[in-house]
Amino acid sequence: MYSNILQEKVEEDRYIRAREKEIAEAKARAEAAEANYKELEGMDKEKMAAKSAAMTEIADLLAQTGDVISEAGLANLARWKIQGSK
């Protein structure tokens, strides 16, 4: 009888440790995913800021000579400028 109780206790402890490990791993994965999301979110803001700055620079340059370009053309030139600077 005593051995049955001891065996149940050991099995229960083993289950609890395994479950705690699963919870810790899930928490670590969730934290990593959140950090990854925030990093990607920041990169998108940086890219948008760089594109906006490039578009403003190109538009100002074209305005000096009185040239005009469509918004889509301006976006394409800005993308080309950014890709060329890497």
C-alpha atoms as a PDB file:
ATOM      1  CA  MET A   1       0.000   0.000   0.000  1.00  0.00           C
ATOM      2  CA  TYR A   2       2.762   2.421   0.923  1.00  0.00           C
ATOM      3  CA  SER A   3       4.569   1.676  -2.353  1.00  0.00           C
ATOM      4  CA  ASN A   4       1.418   2.452  -4.358  1.00  0.00           C
ATOM      5  CA  ILE A   5       1.064   5.843  -2.693  1.00  0.00           C
ATOM      6  CA  LEU A   6       4.746   6.551  -3.221  1.00  0.00           C
ATOM      7  CA  GLN A   7       4.528   5.482  -6.860  1.00  0.00           C
ATOM      8  CA  GLU A   8       1.486   7.736  -7.418  1.00  0.00           C
ATOM      9  CA  LYS A   9       3.326  10.635  -5.799  1.00  0.00           C
ATOM     10  CA  VAL A  10       6.360  10.097  -8.033  1.00  0.00           C
ATOM     11  CA  GLU A  11       4.163   9.940 -11.140  1.00  0.00           C
ATOM     12  CA  GLU A  12       2.282  13.055 -10.060  1.00  0.00           C
ATOM     13  CA  ASP A  13       5.547  14.945  -9.473  1.00  0.00           C
ATOM     14  CA  ARG A  14       6.862  13.811 -12.844  1.00  0.00           C
ATOM     15  CA  TYR A  15       3.657  15.007 -14.533  1.00  0.00           C
ATOM     16  CA  ILE A  16       3.826  18.370 -12.755  1.00  0.00           C
ATOM     17  CA  ARG A  17       7.469  18.904 -13.776  1.00  0.00           C
ATOM     18  CA  ALA A  18       6.693  17.986 -17.393  1.00  0.00           C
ATOM     19  CA  ARG A  19       3.693  20.328 -17.432  1.00  0.00           C
ATOM     20  CA  GLU A  20       5.729  23.188 -15.911  1.00  0.00           C
ATOM     21  CA  LYS A  21       8.379  22.648 -18.584  1.00  0.00           C
ATOM     22  CA  GLU A  22       5.721  22.779 -21.336  1.00  0.00           C
ATOM     23  CA  ILE A  23       4.316  26.014 -19.905  1.00  0.00           C
ATOM     24  CA  ALA A  24       7.786  27.585 -19.650  1.00  0.00           C
ATOM     25  CA  GLU A  25       8.584  26.637 -23.256  1.00  0.00           C
ATOM     26  CA  ALA A  26       5.257  28.030 -24.482  1.00  0.00           C
ATOM     27  CA  LYS A  27       5.889  31.257 -22.593  1.00  0.00           C
ATOM     28  CA  ALA A  28       9.386  31.551 -24.096  1.00  0.00           C
ATOM     29  CA  ARG A  29       7.981  30.988 -27.603  1.00  0.00           C
ATOM     30  CA  ALA A  30       5.310  33.645 -27.020  1.00  0.00           C
ATOM     31  CA  GLU A  31       7.899  36.140 -25.787  1.00  0.00           C
ATOM     32  CA  ALA A  32      10.129  35.432 -28.794  1.00  0.00           C
ATOM     33  CA  ALA A  33       7.196  35.901 -31.163  1.00  0.00           C
ATOM     34  CA  GLU A  34       6.290  39.209 -29.509  1.00  0.00           C
ATOM     35  CA  ALA A  35       9.890  40.444 -29.767  1.00  0.00           C
ATOM     36  CA  ASN A  36      10.011  39.390 -33.425  1.00  0.00           C
ATOM     37  CA  TYR A  37       6.729  41.219 -34.113  1.00  0.00           C
ATOM     38  CA  LYS A  38       8.002  44.414 -32.500  1.00  0.00           C
ATOM     39  CA  GLU A  39      11.246  44.197 -34.478  1.00  0.00           C
ATOM     40  CA  LEU A  40       9.365  43.768 -37.756  1.00  0.00           C
ATOM     41  CA  GLU A  41       6.987  46.574 -36.855  1.00  0.00           C
ATOM     42  CA  GLY A  42       9.959  48.881 -36.238  1.00  0.00           C
ATOM     43  CA  MET A  43      11.560  47.874 -39.531  1.00  0.00           C
ATOM     44  CA  ASP A  44       8.383  48.754 -41.426  1.00  0.00           C
ATOM     45  CA  LYS A  45       8.360  52.208 -39.828  1.00  0.00           C
ATOM     46  CA  GLU A  46      12.029  52.672 -40.722  1.00  0.00           C
ATOM     47  CA  LYS A  47      11.412  51.646 -44.326  1.00  0.00           C
ATOM     48  CA  MET A  48       8.435  53.975 -44.616  1.00  0.00           C
ATOM     49  CA  ALA A  49      10.437  56.856 -43.161  1.00  0.00           C
ATOM     50  CA  ALA A  50      13.332  56.185 -45.551  1.00  0.00           C
ATOM     51  CA  LYS A  51      10.982  56.005 -48.546  1.00  0.00           C
ATOM     52  CA  SER A  52       9.212  59.198 -47.513  1.00  0.00           C
ATOM     53  CA  ALA A  53      12.530  61.013 -47.104  1.00  0.00           C
ATOM     54  CA  ALA A  54      13.733  59.767 -50.500  1.00  0.00           C
ATOM     55  CA  MET A  55      10.465  60.844 -52.163  1.00  0.00           C
ATOM     56  CA  THR A  56      10.767  64.315 -50.633  1.00  0.00           C
ATOM     57  CA  GLU A  57      14.384  64.608 -51.750  1.00  0.00           C
ATOM     58  CA  ILE A  58      13.547  63.545 -55.325  1.00  0.00           C
ATOM     59  CA  ALA A  59      10.511  65.837 -55.490  1.00  0.00           C
ATOM     60  CA  ASP A  60      12.594  68.786 -54.280  1.00  0.00           C
ATOM     61  CA  LEU A  61      15.290  68.007 -56.838  1.00  0.00           C
ATOM     62  CA  LEU A  62      12.725  67.846 -59.655  1.00  0.00           C
ATOM     63  CA  ALA A  63      11.054  71.052 -58.447  1.00  0.00           C
ATOM     64  CA  GLN A  64      14.326  72.952 -58.852  1.00  0.00           C
ATOM     65  CA  THR A  65      14.172  72.390 -62.605  1.00  0.00           C
ATOM     66  CA  GLY A  66      10.390  72.678 -62.880  1.00  0.00           C
ATOM     67  CA  ASP A  67       9.954  68.985 -63.698  1.00  0.00           C
ATOM     68  CA  VAL A  68       6.970  66.997 -62.465  1.00  0.00           C
ATOM     69  CA  ILE A  69       6.416  63.279 -62.051  1.00  0.00           C
ATOM     70  CA  SER A  70       3.429  61.155 -61.052  1.00  0.00           C
ATOM     71  CA  GLU A  71       3.130  59.905 -57.495  1.00  0.00           C
ATOM     72  CA  ALA A  72       3.711  56.333 -58.693  1.00  0.00           C
ATOM     73  CA  GLY A  73       6.801  57.407 -60.629  1.00  0.00           C
ATOM     74  CA  LEU A  74       8.085  59.243 -57.573  1.00  0.00           C
ATOM     75  CA  ALA A  75       7.547  56.118 -55.429  1.00  0.00           C
ATOM     76  CA  ASN A  76       9.406  54.004 -57.998  1.00  0.00           C
ATOM     77  CA  LEU A  77      12.354  56.407 -58.060  1.00  0.00           C
ATOM     78  CA  ALA A  78      12.444  56.441 -54.252  1.00  0.00           C
ATOM     79  CA  ARG A  79      12.426  52.612 -54.130  1.00  0.00           C
ATOM     80  CA  TRP A  80      15.228  52.541 -56.709  1.00  0.00           C
ATOM     81  CA  LYS A  81      17.241  55.103 -54.720  1.00  0.00           C
ATOM     82  CA  ILE A  82      16.844  53.156 -51.485  1.00  0.00           C
ATOM     83  CA  GLN A  83      17.775  49.819 -53.078  1.00  0.00           C
ATOM     84  CA  GLY A  84      20.780  51.380 -54.751  1.00  0.00           C
ATOM     85  CA  SER A  85      22.120  52.796 -51.486  1.00  0.00           C
ATOM     86  CA  LYS A  86      22.304  49.376 -49.763  1.00  0.00           C
END
